[in-house]
Amino acid sequence: PGDNSQGCFGIVGTTSAVTLIAVATVAVL
C-alpha cells in the first residue's frame, strides 16, 4: 500500500520467445 510501483508488472515467460524471461526479469527487479 502506498508504493508507487503499482502498475509495474512481474516476470513474463514465453515459449518461442524464451529470451524475454531474462530480459523482463531486470525490469521487474
PDB file of all heavy atoms in Angstrom:
ATOM      1  N   PRO A   1       0.821  -1.206   0.000  1.00  0.00           N
ATOM      2  CA  PRO A   1       0.000   0.000   0.000  1.00  0.00           C
ATOM      3  C   PRO A   1       0.855   1.256   0.000  1.00  0.00           C
ATOM      4  O   PRO A   1       1.802   1.371   0.756  1.00  0.00           O
ATOM      5  CB  PRO A   1      -0.795  -0.139   1.309  1.00  0.00           C
ATOM      6  CG  PRO A   1      -0.821  -1.607   1.590  1.00  0.00           C
ATOM      7  CD  PRO A   1       0.485  -2.137   1.093  1.00  0.00           C
ATOM      8  N   GLY A   2       0.497   2.172  -0.853  1.00  0.00           N
ATOM      9  CA  GLY A   2       1.219   3.430  -0.931  1.00  0.00           C
ATOM     10  C   GLY A   2       2.459   3.400  -1.787  1.00  0.00           C
ATOM     11  O   GLY A   2       3.092   4.434  -2.018  1.00  0.00           O
ATOM     12  N   ASP A   3       2.850   2.269  -2.290  1.00  0.00           N
ATOM     13  CA  ASP A   3       4.027   2.174  -3.136  1.00  0.00           C
ATOM     14  C   ASP A   3       3.672   2.596  -4.548  1.00  0.00           C
ATOM     15  O   ASP A   3       2.712   2.088  -5.124  1.00  0.00           O
ATOM     16  CB  ASP A   3       4.534   0.725  -3.127  1.00  0.00           C
ATOM     17  CG  ASP A   3       5.780   0.544  -3.952  1.00  0.00           C
ATOM     18  OD1 ASP A   3       6.356   1.548  -4.393  1.00  0.00           O
ATOM     19  OD2 ASP A   3       6.186  -0.604  -4.148  1.00  0.00           O
ATOM     20  N   ASN A   4       4.431   3.482  -5.147  1.00  0.00           N
ATOM     21  CA  ASN A   4       4.093   3.924  -6.484  1.00  0.00           C
ATOM     22  C   ASN A   4       4.529   2.946  -7.552  1.00  0.00           C
ATOM     23  O   ASN A   4       4.424   3.247  -8.732  1.00  0.00           O
ATOM     24  CB  ASN A   4       4.656   5.330  -6.771  1.00  0.00           C
ATOM     25  CG  ASN A   4       6.087   5.311  -7.246  1.00  0.00           C
ATOM     26  OD1 ASN A   4       6.779   4.309  -7.175  1.00  0.00           O
ATOM     27  ND2 ASN A   4       6.552   6.441  -7.753  1.00  0.00           N
ATOM     28  N   SER A   5       4.975   1.753  -7.167  1.00  0.00           N
ATOM     29  CA  SER A   5       5.315   0.754  -8.164  1.00  0.00           C
ATOM     30  C   SER A   5       4.091   0.006  -8.678  1.00  0.00           C
ATOM     31  O   SER A   5       4.201  -0.877  -9.505  1.00  0.00           O
ATOM     32  CB  SER A   5       6.334  -0.251  -7.603  1.00  0.00           C
ATOM     33  OG  SER A   5       5.779  -0.983  -6.558  1.00  0.00           O
ATOM     34  N   GLN A   6       2.912   0.321  -8.195  1.00  0.00           N
ATOM     35  CA  GLN A   6       1.716  -0.307  -8.720  1.00  0.00           C
ATOM     36  C   GLN A   6       1.601   0.002 -10.201  1.00  0.00           C
ATOM     37  O   GLN A   6       1.724   1.115 -10.644  1.00  0.00           O
ATOM     38  CB  GLN A   6       0.474   0.182  -7.989  1.00  0.00           C
ATOM     39  CG  GLN A   6      -0.779  -0.580  -8.407  1.00  0.00           C
ATOM     40  CD  GLN A   6      -1.862  -0.507  -7.399  1.00  0.00           C
ATOM     41  OE1 GLN A   6      -1.716   0.107  -6.383  1.00  0.00           O
ATOM     42  NE2 GLN A   6      -2.957  -1.164  -7.656  1.00  0.00           N
ATOM     43  N   GLY A   7       1.360  -1.019 -10.953  1.00  0.00           N
ATOM     44  CA  GLY A   7       1.361  -0.864 -12.396  1.00  0.00           C
ATOM     45  C   GLY A   7       2.669  -1.305 -13.014  1.00  0.00           C
ATOM     46  O   GLY A   7       2.797  -1.349 -14.218  1.00  0.00           O
ATOM     47  N   CYS A   8       3.658  -1.664 -12.196  1.00  0.00           N
ATOM     48  CA  CYS A   8       4.872  -2.288 -12.685  1.00  0.00           C
ATOM     49  C   CYS A   8       4.703  -3.782 -12.510  1.00  0.00           C
ATOM     50  O   CYS A   8       4.371  -4.253 -11.442  1.00  0.00           O
ATOM     51  CB  CYS A   8       6.075  -1.776 -11.912  1.00  0.00           C
ATOM     52  SG  CYS A   8       7.614  -2.357 -12.588  1.00  0.00           S
ATOM     53  N   PHE A   9       4.946  -4.532 -13.552  1.00  0.00           N
ATOM     54  CA  PHE A   9       4.444  -5.890 -13.590  1.00  0.00           C
ATOM     55  C   PHE A   9       5.547  -6.920 -13.496  1.00  0.00           C
ATOM     56  O   PHE A   9       6.728  -6.637 -13.625  1.00  0.00           O
ATOM     57  CB  PHE A   9       3.627  -6.073 -14.865  1.00  0.00           C
ATOM     58  CG  PHE A   9       2.714  -4.919 -15.099  1.00  0.00           C
ATOM     59  CD1 PHE A   9       2.944  -4.020 -16.110  1.00  0.00           C
ATOM     60  CD2 PHE A   9       1.652  -4.688 -14.231  1.00  0.00           C
ATOM     61  CE1 PHE A   9       2.122  -2.917 -16.288  1.00  0.00           C
ATOM     62  CE2 PHE A   9       0.830  -3.586 -14.410  1.00  0.00           C
ATOM     63  CZ  PHE A   9       1.066  -2.698 -15.445  1.00  0.00           C
ATOM     64  N   GLY A  10       5.159  -8.162 -13.274  1.00  0.00           N
ATOM     65  CA  GLY A  10       6.088  -9.230 -12.986  1.00  0.00           C
ATOM     66  C   GLY A  10       6.750  -9.859 -14.172  1.00  0.00           C
ATOM     67  O   GLY A  10       6.680  -9.376 -15.290  1.00  0.00           O
ATOM     68  N   ILE A  11       7.402 -10.983 -13.945  1.00  0.00           N
ATOM     69  CA  ILE A  11       8.180 -11.657 -14.955  1.00  0.00           C
ATOM     70  C   ILE A  11       7.271 -12.392 -15.919  1.00  0.00           C
ATOM     71  O   ILE A  11       6.320 -13.046 -15.538  1.00  0.00           O
ATOM     72  CB  ILE A  11       9.151 -12.639 -14.298  1.00  0.00           C
ATOM     73  CG1 ILE A  11      10.041 -11.900 -13.294  1.00  0.00           C
ATOM     74  CG2 ILE A  11      10.006 -13.354 -15.321  1.00  0.00           C
ATOM     75  CD1 ILE A  11      10.825 -12.817 -12.404  1.00  0.00           C
ATOM     76  N   VAL A  12       7.573 -12.313 -17.189  1.00  0.00           N
ATOM     77  CA  VAL A  12       6.803 -12.990 -18.222  1.00  0.00           C
ATOM     78  C   VAL A  12       7.646 -14.090 -18.847  1.00  0.00           C
ATOM     79  O   VAL A  12       8.774 -13.860 -19.270  1.00  0.00           O
ATOM     80  CB  VAL A  12       6.338 -12.012 -19.302  1.00  0.00           C
ATOM     81  CG1 VAL A  12       5.703 -12.755 -20.461  1.00  0.00           C
ATOM     82  CG2 VAL A  12       5.355 -11.015 -18.711  1.00  0.00           C
ATOM     83  N   GLY A  13       7.117 -15.290 -18.920  1.00  0.00           N
ATOM     84  CA  GLY A  13       7.753 -16.372 -19.625  1.00  0.00           C
ATOM     85  C   GLY A  13       7.038 -16.648 -20.931  1.00  0.00           C
ATOM     86  O   GLY A  13       5.831 -16.502 -21.022  1.00  0.00           O
ATOM     87  N   THR A  14       7.775 -17.032 -21.941  1.00  0.00           N
ATOM     88  CA  THR A  14       7.172 -17.366 -23.219  1.00  0.00           C
ATOM     89  C   THR A  14       7.712 -18.697 -23.701  1.00  0.00           C
ATOM     90  O   THR A  14       8.663 -19.245 -23.156  1.00  0.00           O
ATOM     91  CB  THR A  14       7.457 -16.294 -24.278  1.00  0.00           C
ATOM     92  OG1 THR A  14       8.848 -16.321 -24.602  1.00  0.00           O
ATOM     93  CG2 THR A  14       7.088 -14.912 -23.777  1.00  0.00           C
ATOM     94  N   THR A  15       7.125 -19.207 -24.783  1.00  0.00           N
ATOM     95  CA  THR A  15       7.590 -20.456 -25.369  1.00  0.00           C
ATOM     96  C   THR A  15       8.630 -20.186 -26.445  1.00  0.00           C
ATOM     97  O   THR A  15       9.809 -20.428 -26.258  1.00  0.00           O
ATOM     98  CB  THR A  15       6.411 -21.247 -25.937  1.00  0.00           C
ATOM     99  OG1 THR A  15       5.660 -20.422 -26.835  1.00  0.00           O
ATOM    100  CG2 THR A  15       5.485 -21.708 -24.824  1.00  0.00           C
ATOM    101  N   SER A  16       8.227 -19.621 -27.571  1.00  0.00           N
ATOM    102  CA  SER A  16       9.184 -19.352 -28.636  1.00  0.00           C
ATOM    103  C   SER A  16      10.062 -18.145 -28.367  1.00  0.00           C
ATOM    104  O   SER A  16      11.090 -17.979 -28.987  1.00  0.00           O
ATOM    105  CB  SER A  16       8.452 -19.157 -29.966  1.00  0.00           C
ATOM    106  OG  SER A  16       7.580 -18.044 -29.890  1.00  0.00           O
ATOM    107  N   ALA A  17       9.689 -17.260 -27.454  1.00  0.00           N
ATOM    108  CA  ALA A  17      10.490 -16.084 -27.097  1.00  0.00           C
ATOM    109  C   ALA A  17      10.990 -16.211 -25.674  1.00  0.00           C
ATOM    110  O   ALA A  17      10.826 -15.340 -24.837  1.00  0.00           O
ATOM    111  CB  ALA A  17       9.688 -14.813 -27.275  1.00  0.00           C
ATOM    112  N   VAL A  18      11.673 -17.306 -25.395  1.00  0.00           N
ATOM    113  CA  VAL A  18      12.126 -17.578 -24.034  1.00  0.00           C
ATOM    114  C   VAL A  18      13.109 -16.525 -23.544  1.00  0.00           C
ATOM    115  O   VAL A  18      13.241 -16.310 -22.336  1.00  0.00           O
ATOM    116  CB  VAL A  18      12.747 -18.978 -23.973  1.00  0.00           C
ATOM    117  CG1 VAL A  18      14.014 -19.043 -24.743  1.00  0.00           C
ATOM    118  CG2 VAL A  18      13.001 -19.421 -22.568  1.00  0.00           C
ATOM    119  N   THR A  19      13.813 -15.843 -24.454  1.00  0.00           N
ATOM    120  CA  THR A  19      14.768 -14.820 -24.027  1.00  0.00           C
ATOM    121  C   THR A  19      14.098 -13.671 -23.302  1.00  0.00           C
ATOM    122  O   THR A  19      14.748 -12.961 -22.536  1.00  0.00           O
ATOM    123  CB  THR A  19      15.533 -14.266 -25.233  1.00  0.00           C
ATOM    124  OG1 THR A  19      14.603 -13.765 -26.187  1.00  0.00           O
ATOM    125  CG2 THR A  19      16.387 -15.320 -25.883  1.00  0.00           C
ATOM    126  N   LEU A  20      12.805 -13.476 -23.503  1.00  0.00           N
ATOM    127  CA  LEU A  20      12.116 -12.398 -22.806  1.00  0.00           C
ATOM    128  C   LEU A  20      12.075 -12.620 -21.302  1.00  0.00           C
ATOM    129  O   LEU A  20      11.915 -11.675 -20.541  1.00  0.00           O
ATOM    130  CB  LEU A  20      10.693 -12.245 -23.334  1.00  0.00           C
ATOM    131  CG  LEU A  20      10.552 -11.687 -24.741  1.00  0.00           C
ATOM    132  CD1 LEU A  20       9.092 -11.532 -25.089  1.00  0.00           C
ATOM    133  CD2 LEU A  20      11.252 -10.354 -24.873  1.00  0.00           C
ATOM    134  N   ILE A  21      12.239 -13.858 -20.866  1.00  0.00           N
ATOM    135  CA  ILE A  21      12.234 -14.126 -19.440  1.00  0.00           C
ATOM    136  C   ILE A  21      13.356 -13.352 -18.757  1.00  0.00           C
ATOM    137  O   ILE A  21      13.136 -12.612 -17.806  1.00  0.00           O
ATOM    138  CB  ILE A  21      12.383 -15.625 -19.163  1.00  0.00           C
ATOM    139  CG1 ILE A  21      11.190 -16.401 -19.735  1.00  0.00           C
ATOM    140  CG2 ILE A  21      12.510 -15.879 -17.664  1.00  0.00           C
ATOM    141  CD1 ILE A  21      11.344 -17.906 -19.605  1.00  0.00           C
ATOM    142  N   ALA A  22      14.569 -13.539 -19.275  1.00  0.00           N
ATOM    143  CA  ALA A  22      15.715 -12.864 -18.687  1.00  0.00           C
ATOM    144  C   ALA A  22      15.620 -11.363 -18.852  1.00  0.00           C
ATOM    145  O   ALA A  22      15.963 -10.600 -17.948  1.00  0.00           O
ATOM    146  CB  ALA A  22      17.002 -13.378 -19.315  1.00  0.00           C
ATOM    147  N   VAL A  23      15.157 -10.934 -19.996  1.00  0.00           N
ATOM    148  CA  VAL A  23      15.050  -9.514 -20.268  1.00  0.00           C
ATOM    149  C   VAL A  23      14.055  -8.846 -19.328  1.00  0.00           C
ATOM    150  O   VAL A  23      14.330  -7.820 -18.714  1.00  0.00           O
ATOM    151  CB  VAL A  23      14.639  -9.277 -21.730  1.00  0.00           C
ATOM    152  CG1 VAL A  23      14.374  -7.803 -21.968  1.00  0.00           C
ATOM    153  CG2 VAL A  23      15.720  -9.773 -22.681  1.00  0.00           C
ATOM    154  N   ALA A  24      12.894  -9.420 -19.216  1.00  0.00           N
ATOM    155  CA  ALA A  24      11.859  -8.839 -18.386  1.00  0.00           C
ATOM    156  C   ALA A  24      12.195  -8.926 -16.902  1.00  0.00           C
ATOM    157  O   ALA A  24      11.738  -8.115 -16.111  1.00  0.00           O
ATOM    158  CB  ALA A  24      10.524  -9.515 -18.661  1.00  0.00           C
ATOM    159  N   THR A  25      13.018  -9.899 -16.518  1.00  0.00           N
ATOM    160  CA  THR A  25      13.379 -10.039 -15.120  1.00  0.00           C
ATOM    161  C   THR A  25      14.015  -8.773 -14.586  1.00  0.00           C
ATOM    162  O   THR A  25      13.675  -8.302 -13.504  1.00  0.00           O
ATOM    163  CB  THR A  25      14.333 -11.220 -14.915  1.00  0.00           C
ATOM    164  OG1 THR A  25      13.679 -12.432 -15.272  1.00  0.00           O
ATOM    165  CG2 THR A  25      14.776 -11.311 -13.463  1.00  0.00           C
ATOM    166  N   VAL A  26      14.933  -8.199 -15.348  1.00  0.00           N
ATOM    167  CA  VAL A  26      15.604  -6.994 -14.897  1.00  0.00           C
ATOM    168  C   VAL A  26      14.602  -5.876 -14.684  1.00  0.00           C
ATOM    169  O   VAL A  26      14.665  -5.125 -13.714  1.00  0.00           O
ATOM    170  CB  VAL A  26      16.683  -6.554 -15.907  1.00  0.00           C
ATOM    171  CG1 VAL A  26      17.377  -5.296 -15.416  1.00  0.00           C
ATOM    172  CG2 VAL A  26      17.700  -7.662 -16.104  1.00  0.00           C
ATOM    173  N   ALA A  27      13.654  -5.766 -15.598  1.00  0.00           N
ATOM    174  CA  ALA A  27      12.673  -4.705 -15.482  1.00  0.00           C
ATOM    175  C   ALA A  27      11.862  -4.802 -14.205  1.00  0.00           C
ATOM    176  O   ALA A  27      11.645  -3.811 -13.514  1.00  0.00           O
ATOM    177  CB  ALA A  27      11.745  -4.724 -16.693  1.00  0.00           C
ATOM    178  N   VAL A  28      11.444  -5.998 -13.856  1.00  0.00           N
ATOM    179  CA  VAL A  28      10.629  -6.127 -12.666  1.00  0.00           C
ATOM    180  C   VAL A  28      11.450  -5.918 -11.402  1.00  0.00           C
ATOM    181  O   VAL A  28      10.964  -5.412 -10.405  1.00  0.00           O
ATOM    182  CB  VAL A  28       9.898  -7.482 -12.630  1.00  0.00           C
ATOM    183  CG1 VAL A  28      10.844  -8.618 -12.374  1.00  0.00           C
ATOM    184  CG2 VAL A  28       8.814  -7.464 -11.557  1.00  0.00           C
ATOM    185  N   LEU A  29      12.729  -6.266 -11.458  1.00  0.00           N
ATOM    186  CA  LEU A  29      13.545  -6.152 -10.270  1.00  0.00           C
ATOM    187  C   LEU A  29      13.680  -4.733  -9.775  1.00  0.00           C
ATOM    188  O   LEU A  29      13.710  -4.484  -8.580  1.00  0.00           O
ATOM    189  CB  LEU A  29      14.931  -6.748 -10.517  1.00  0.00           C
ATOM    190  CG  LEU A  29      14.960  -8.251 -10.752  1.00  0.00           C
ATOM    191  CD1 LEU A  29      16.377  -8.720 -10.897  1.00  0.00           C
ATOM    192  CD2 LEU A  29      14.242  -9.000  -9.641  1.00  0.00           C
TER     193      LEU A  29
END
